[in-house]
C-alpha atoms as a PDB file:
ATOM      1  CA  MET A   1     -11.435 -12.246  -2.132  1.00  0.00           C
ATOM      2  CA  ALA A   2      -8.923 -11.628  -4.916  1.00  0.00           C
ATOM      3  CA  ASP A   3      -7.987 -14.549  -7.148  1.00  0.00           C
ATOM      4  CA  ILE A   4      -4.654 -15.787  -5.773  1.00  0.00           C
ATOM      5  CA  GLN A   5      -2.680 -17.271  -8.687  1.00  0.00           C
ATOM      6  CA  TYR A   6       0.950 -16.174  -8.331  1.00  0.00           C
ATOM      7  CA  ASN A   7       4.254 -17.180  -6.817  1.00  0.00           C
ATOM      8  CA  PHE A   8       6.253 -15.282  -4.222  1.00  0.00           C
ATOM      9  CA  ILE A   9       9.378 -13.430  -5.270  1.00  0.00           C
ATOM     10  CA  GLN A  10      10.405 -12.616  -1.683  1.00  0.00           C
ATOM     11  CA  GLU A  11       9.182 -12.787   1.911  1.00  0.00           C
ATOM     12  CA  TRP A  12       6.421 -10.340   2.895  1.00  0.00           C
ATOM     13  CA  GLN A  13       5.176  -9.077   6.250  1.00  0.00           C
ATOM     14  CA  PHE A  14       1.836  -7.681   7.375  1.00  0.00           C
ATOM     15  CA  TRP A  15       2.067  -4.719   9.774  1.00  0.00           C
ATOM     16  CA  VAL A  16      -0.383  -2.678  11.816  1.00  0.00           C
ATOM     17  CA  ILE A  17       0.300   1.035  12.204  1.00  0.00           C
ATOM     18  CA  THR A  18      -1.367   2.902  15.060  1.00  0.00           C
ATOM     19  CA  CYS A  19      -1.312   6.669  14.793  1.00  0.00           C
ATOM     20  CA  ARG A  20      -2.214   8.666  17.899  1.00  0.00           C
ATOM     21  CA  PHE A  21      -3.073  12.334  17.570  1.00  0.00           C
ATOM     22  CA  THR A  22      -2.152  14.328  20.657  1.00  0.00           C
ATOM     23  CA  ASP A  23      -0.192  17.570  20.775  1.00  0.00           C
ATOM     24  CA  LYS A  24       2.366  15.606  18.689  1.00  0.00           C
ATOM     25  CA  THR A  25       1.482  12.792  16.267  1.00  0.00           C
ATOM     26  CA  GLN A  26       2.899   9.450  17.439  1.00  0.00           C
ATOM     27  CA  TYR A  27       3.211   6.271  15.376  1.00  0.00           C
ATOM     28  CA  GLU A  28       3.477   2.733  16.663  1.00  0.00           C
ATOM     29  CA  ILE A  29       4.409   0.122  14.059  1.00  0.00           C
ATOM     30  CA  GLU A  30       3.944  -3.552  14.918  1.00  0.00           C
ATOM     31  CA  PRO A  31       4.683  -6.616  12.786  1.00  0.00           C
ATOM     32  CA  ILE A  32       1.774  -9.033  12.534  1.00  0.00           C
ATOM     33  CA  ILE A  33       2.939 -12.042  10.527  1.00  0.00           C
ATOM     34  CA  LYS A  34       5.433 -12.996   7.806  1.00  0.00           C
ATOM     35  CA  VAL A  35       4.194 -14.924   4.811  1.00  0.00           C
ATOM     36  CA  ARG A  36       6.300 -16.923   2.364  1.00  0.00           C
ATOM     37  CA  SER A  37       3.728 -19.043   0.555  1.00  0.00           C
ATOM     38  CA  LYS A  38       0.489 -18.551  -1.335  1.00  0.00           C
ATOM     39  CA  SER A  39      -1.426 -20.676   1.154  1.00  0.00           C
ATOM     40  CA  LYS A  40      -0.250 -18.697   4.209  1.00  0.00           C
ATOM     41  CA  PHE A  41      -0.927 -15.436   2.384  1.00  0.00           C
ATOM     42  CA  ALA A  42      -4.481 -16.504   1.508  1.00  0.00           C
ATOM     43  CA  GLU A  43      -5.091 -17.867   5.003  1.00  0.00           C
ATOM     44  CA  TYR A  44      -3.916 -14.715   6.736  1.00  0.00           C
ATOM     45  CA  LEU A  45      -5.601 -12.345   4.297  1.00  0.00           C
ATOM     46  CA  ALA A  46      -8.906 -14.088   5.017  1.00  0.00           C
ATOM     47  CA  SER A  47      -8.406 -13.531   8.760  1.00  0.00           C
ATOM     48  CA  LEU A  48      -7.709  -9.779   8.493  1.00  0.00           C
ATOM     49  CA  PRO A  49     -10.580  -7.374   9.103  1.00  0.00           C
ATOM     50  CA  ASP A  50     -12.192  -5.837   6.048  1.00  0.00           C
ATOM     51  CA  VAL A  51     -10.609  -2.417   5.505  1.00  0.00           C
ATOM     52  CA  LEU A  52     -14.090  -0.881   5.640  1.00  0.00           C
ATOM     53  CA  HIS A  53     -14.060  -1.731   9.368  1.00  0.00           C
ATOM     54  CA  LEU A  54     -10.918   0.355   9.941  1.00  0.00           C
ATOM     55  CA  GLN A  55     -12.498   3.585  11.068  1.00  0.00           C
ATOM     56  CA  PRO A  56     -10.538   6.477  12.570  1.00  0.00           C
ATOM     57  CA  LYS A  57     -11.402   7.349  16.151  1.00  0.00           C
ATOM     58  CA  GLN A  58     -11.280  10.816  17.671  1.00  0.00           C
ATOM     59  CA  ASN A  59      -7.597  10.637  18.674  1.00  0.00           C
ATOM     60  CA  SER A  60      -6.234   7.683  16.694  1.00  0.00           C
ATOM     61  CA  LYS A  61      -6.413   5.579  13.563  1.00  0.00           C
ATOM     62  CA  ILE A  62      -5.161   2.143  12.542  1.00  0.00           C
ATOM     63  CA  SER A  63      -3.659   1.404   9.129  1.00  0.00           C
ATOM     64  CA  LEU A  64      -2.609  -1.892   7.573  1.00  0.00           C
ATOM     65  CA  ALA A  65       0.660  -2.349   5.699  1.00  0.00           C
ATOM     66  CA  PHE A  66       2.257  -5.130   3.666  1.00  0.00           C
ATOM     67  CA  PHE A  67       6.021  -4.785   3.092  1.00  0.00           C
ATOM     68  CA  SER A  68       8.752  -7.031   1.721  1.00  0.00           C
ATOM     69  CA  ASP A  69      12.136  -8.208   2.986  1.00  0.00           C
ATOM     70  CA  ASN A  70      11.874  -7.005   6.607  1.00  0.00           C
ATOM     71  CA  ILE A  71      11.308  -3.400   5.499  1.00  0.00           C
ATOM     72  CA  GLN A  72       9.303  -1.432   8.042  1.00  0.00           C
ATOM     73  CA  PRO A  73       6.487   0.819   6.805  1.00  0.00           C
ATOM     74  CA  ALA A  74       8.350   3.944   7.956  1.00  0.00           C
ATOM     75  CA  TRP A  75      10.252   6.503   5.911  1.00  0.00           C
ATOM     76  CA  GLU A  76      13.127   6.173   8.399  1.00  0.00           C
ATOM     77  CA  ASP A  77      13.799   2.561   7.345  1.00  0.00           C
ATOM     78  CA  LYS A  78      17.014   2.541   5.275  1.00  0.00           C
ATOM     79  CA  ALA A  79      15.220   0.866   2.352  1.00  0.00           C
ATOM     80  CA  ASN A  80      12.745   3.772   2.205  1.00  0.00           C
ATOM     81  CA  THR A  81      14.885   6.874   2.848  1.00  0.00           C
ATOM     82  CA  GLU A  82      15.717   7.558  -0.821  1.00  0.00           C
ATOM     83  CA  GLY A  83      12.259   6.627  -2.065  1.00  0.00           C
ATOM     84  CA  GLY A  84       8.711   7.788  -1.719  1.00  0.00           C
ATOM     85  CA  CYS A  85       5.182   6.723  -2.483  1.00  0.00           C
ATOM     86  CA  MET A  86       2.417   7.056  -5.019  1.00  0.00           C
ATOM     87  CA  TYR A  87      -0.782   7.753  -3.144  1.00  0.00           C
ATOM     88  CA  PHE A  88      -4.457   8.241  -3.890  1.00  0.00           C
ATOM     89  CA  THR A  89      -7.753   8.295  -1.994  1.00  0.00           C
ATOM     90  CA  LEU A  90     -11.064   6.515  -2.555  1.00  0.00           C
ATOM     91  CA  GLN A  91     -14.038   8.487  -1.338  1.00  0.00           C
ATOM     92  CA  ASP A  92     -17.760   8.875  -1.903  1.00  0.00           C
ATOM     93  CA  LYS A  93     -19.164   5.887  -3.845  1.00  0.00           C
ATOM     94  CA  LEU A  94     -15.688   4.480  -4.548  1.00  0.00           C
ATOM     95  CA  LYS A  95     -14.932   3.897  -0.862  1.00  0.00           C
ATOM     96  CA  GLU A  96     -17.115   0.775  -0.990  1.00  0.00           C
ATOM     97  CA  ARG A  97     -14.482  -0.791  -3.277  1.00  0.00           C
ATOM     98  CA  ALA A  98     -11.634  -0.261  -0.780  1.00  0.00           C
ATOM     99  CA  GLN A  99     -11.421  -3.956   0.191  1.00  0.00           C
ATOM    100  CA  ASP A 100     -11.292  -5.082  -3.457  1.00  0.00           C
ATOM    101  CA  LEU A 101      -8.558  -2.559  -4.200  1.00  0.00           C
ATOM    102  CA  TRP A 102      -6.550  -3.532  -1.095  1.00  0.00           C
ATOM    103  CA  GLU A 103      -6.613  -7.213  -2.099  1.00  0.00           C
ATOM    104  CA  TYR A 104      -5.682  -6.322  -5.680  1.00  0.00           C
ATOM    105  CA  LEU A 105      -2.684  -4.221  -4.554  1.00  0.00           C
ATOM    106  CA  LEU A 106      -1.514  -6.984  -2.198  1.00  0.00           C
ATOM    107  CA  ALA A 107      -1.662  -9.550  -4.998  1.00  0.00           C
ATOM    108  CA  ALA A 108       0.054  -7.178  -7.461  1.00  0.00           C
ATOM    109  CA  ALA A 109       2.827  -6.459  -4.944  1.00  0.00           C
ATOM    110  CA  VAL A 110       3.532 -10.054  -3.925  1.00  0.00           C
ATOM    111  CA  SER A 111       3.457 -11.313  -7.528  1.00  0.00           C
ATOM    112  CA  GLY A 112       5.914  -8.675  -8.735  1.00  0.00           C
ATOM    113  CA  GLU A 113       3.318  -7.107 -11.045  1.00  0.00           C
ATOM    114  CA  LEU A 114       3.776  -3.641  -9.473  1.00  0.00           C
ATOM    115  CA  ASN A 115       7.530  -3.894 -10.062  1.00  0.00           C
ATOM    116  CA  ASN A 116       6.927  -4.660 -13.729  1.00  0.00           C
ATOM    117  CA  TRP A 117       5.158  -1.303 -14.179  1.00  0.00           C
ATOM    118  CA  LEU A 118       8.249   0.667 -13.190  1.00  0.00           C
ATOM    119  CA  ILE A 119      10.962   1.969 -15.467  1.00  0.00           C
ATOM    120  CA  ASN A 120      14.187   2.290 -13.506  1.00  0.00           C
ATOM    121  CA  ASP A 121      17.828   1.338 -13.452  1.00  0.00           C
ATOM    122  CA  VAL A 122      17.585  -0.385 -10.083  1.00  0.00           C
ATOM    123  CA  LYS A 123      18.268  -4.111 -10.110  1.00  0.00           C
ATOM    124  CA  GLY A 124      15.939  -6.212  -8.030  1.00  0.00           C
ATOM    125  CA  ASN A 125      12.710  -5.242  -6.360  1.00  0.00           C
ATOM    126  CA  GLU A 126      11.736  -1.593  -6.373  1.00  0.00           C
ATOM    127  CA  ILE A 127       8.406  -1.925  -4.547  1.00  0.00           C
ATOM    128  CA  CYS A 128       8.801  -1.826  -0.756  1.00  0.00           C
ATOM    129  CA  GLY A 129       5.150  -2.249   0.143  1.00  0.00           C
ATOM    130  CA  VAL A 130       1.590  -0.975   0.217  1.00  0.00           C
ATOM    131  CA  ILE A 131      -0.486   0.719   2.922  1.00  0.00           C
ATOM    132  CA  VAL A 132      -4.206   1.322   3.380  1.00  0.00           C
ATOM    133  CA  SER A 133      -5.352   3.995   5.846  1.00  0.00           C
ATOM    134  CA  PRO A 134      -8.835   5.107   6.818  1.00  0.00           C
ATOM    135  CA  LYS A 135      -9.488   8.830   6.553  1.00  0.00           C
ATOM    136  CA  VAL A 136     -12.222  10.979   8.012  1.00  0.00           C
ATOM    137  CA  TYR A 137     -15.611  10.898   6.294  1.00  0.00           C
ATOM    138  CA  ASN A 138     -15.218   7.237   5.285  1.00  0.00           C
ATOM    139  CA  ALA A 139     -12.468   7.756   2.727  1.00  0.00           C
ATOM    140  CA  TYR A 140      -9.497   5.398   2.302  1.00  0.00           C
ATOM    141  CA  SER A 141      -5.965   6.344   1.348  1.00  0.00           C
ATOM    142  CA  PHE A 142      -3.680   3.901  -0.494  1.00  0.00           C
ATOM    143  CA  GLU A 143       0.099   4.206  -0.758  1.00  0.00           C
ATOM    144  CA  ILE A 144       2.571   2.261  -2.905  1.00  0.00           C
ATOM    145  CA  TRP A 145       6.090   2.705  -1.496  1.00  0.00           C
ATOM    146  CA  THR A 146       9.232   2.485  -3.632  1.00  0.00           C
ATOM    147  CA  ARG A 147      12.954   2.340  -2.828  1.00  0.00           C
ATOM    148  CA  SER A 148      13.935   5.186  -5.149  1.00  0.00           C
ATOM    149  CA  ASN A 149      12.428   8.435  -6.325  1.00  0.00           C
ATOM    150  CA  ASN A 150       9.817   7.573  -8.954  1.00  0.00           C
ATOM    151  CA  GLN A 151       8.195  11.000  -9.054  1.00  0.00           C
ATOM    152  CA  ASN A 152       8.647  11.306 -12.813  1.00  0.00           C
ATOM    153  CA  ASN A 153       7.815   7.706 -13.656  1.00  0.00           C
ATOM    154  CA  GLN A 154       4.912   8.309 -16.046  1.00  0.00           C
ATOM    155  CA  ARG A 155       4.762   4.648 -17.092  1.00  0.00           C
ATOM    156  CA  PHE A 156       4.095   3.570 -13.510  1.00  0.00           C
ATOM    157  CA  GLN A 157       1.456   6.259 -12.990  1.00  0.00           C
ATOM    158  CA  ALA A 158      -0.225   5.491 -16.330  1.00  0.00           C
ATOM    159  CA  LYS A 159      -0.333   1.748 -15.641  1.00  0.00           C
ATOM    160  CA  LEU A 160      -1.672   2.355 -12.122  1.00  0.00           C
ATOM    161  CA  GLN A 161      -4.380   4.664 -13.551  1.00  0.00           C
ATOM    162  CA  GLU A 162      -5.296   2.079 -16.186  1.00  0.00           C
ATOM    163  CA  GLU A 163      -5.583  -0.739 -13.638  1.00  0.00           C
ATOM    164  CA  LEU A 164      -7.570   1.398 -11.182  1.00  0.00           C
ATOM    165  CA  LYS A 165      -9.998   2.445 -13.909  1.00  0.00           C
ATOM    166  CA  LYS A 166     -10.595  -1.206 -14.858  1.00  0.00           C
ATOM    167  CA  LEU A 167     -10.842  -2.502 -11.308  1.00  0.00           C
ATOM    168  CA  LEU A 168     -13.098   0.296 -10.049  1.00  0.00           C
ATOM    169  CA  ASN A 169     -15.101   0.810 -13.272  1.00  0.00           C
ATOM    170  CA  LEU A 170     -14.070   4.453 -13.507  1.00  0.00           C
ATOM    171  CA  GLU A 171     -14.804   6.779 -16.394  1.00  0.00           C
ATOM    172  CA  SER A 172     -12.164   9.299 -15.340  1.00  0.00           C
ATOM    173  CA  ASP A 173      -8.780   9.129 -13.647  1.00  0.00           C
ATOM    174  CA  LEU A 174      -8.198   9.176  -9.908  1.00  0.00           C
ATOM    175  CA  LYS A 175      -5.842  11.862  -8.675  1.00  0.00           C
ATOM    176  CA  ILE A 176      -2.558  10.019  -8.044  1.00  0.00           C
ATOM    177  CA  GLN A 177       0.211  11.980  -6.355  1.00  0.00           C
ATOM    178  CA  TRP A 178       3.850  11.411  -5.440  1.00  0.00           C
ATOM    179  CA  LEU A 179       5.400  12.089  -2.036  1.00  0.00           C
ATOM    180  CA  SER A 180       9.168  11.890  -1.565  1.00  0.00           C
ATOM    181  CA  HIS A 181      10.306  10.549   1.815  1.00  0.00           C
ATOM    182  CA  ARG A 182      13.116  13.112   1.745  1.00  0.00           C
ATOM    183  CA  ARG A 183      10.493  15.833   2.235  1.00  0.00           C
ATOM    184  CA  LYS A 184       9.489  14.213   5.530  1.00  0.00           C
ATOM    185  CA  LYS A 185      12.937  14.616   7.098  1.00  0.00           C
END
């Protein structure tokens, strides 16, 4: 498990997202638990399933989310409507590191480290949350959601690349992309 040595800046909530694929994709978002302290965070993180056990089924998949300040992991939430997310996928040999990366992103989010990578004029906390989703063929998608449009935030992308390379022992960069929530409307 990730080394937990940080203090909370705000309240955080774990969520489970169930996506059902029928003739129309349907999402069900359920809160799991709120955490306000390092001890509760560590306790609950230890009780969650390893992300490698989150496998998509034929007609559905389950994702885990961790969001701050009662923000739901949905682009329709008012805190998310003007923002978007940086996203990337671990596949092939890297997929085995999905749990390590998930724990790292959780710790970086709750400690405020992800916020420190951003350059913006917004006062307060820019990071809304993080999501991990299983993909077909044992790949895992990671999303870092922000309140405002950070599409052109090269500092954030560069710092994320640098940290991912260190954490995952990469020789080359992962493909990190930006998706604006406005495009989803």
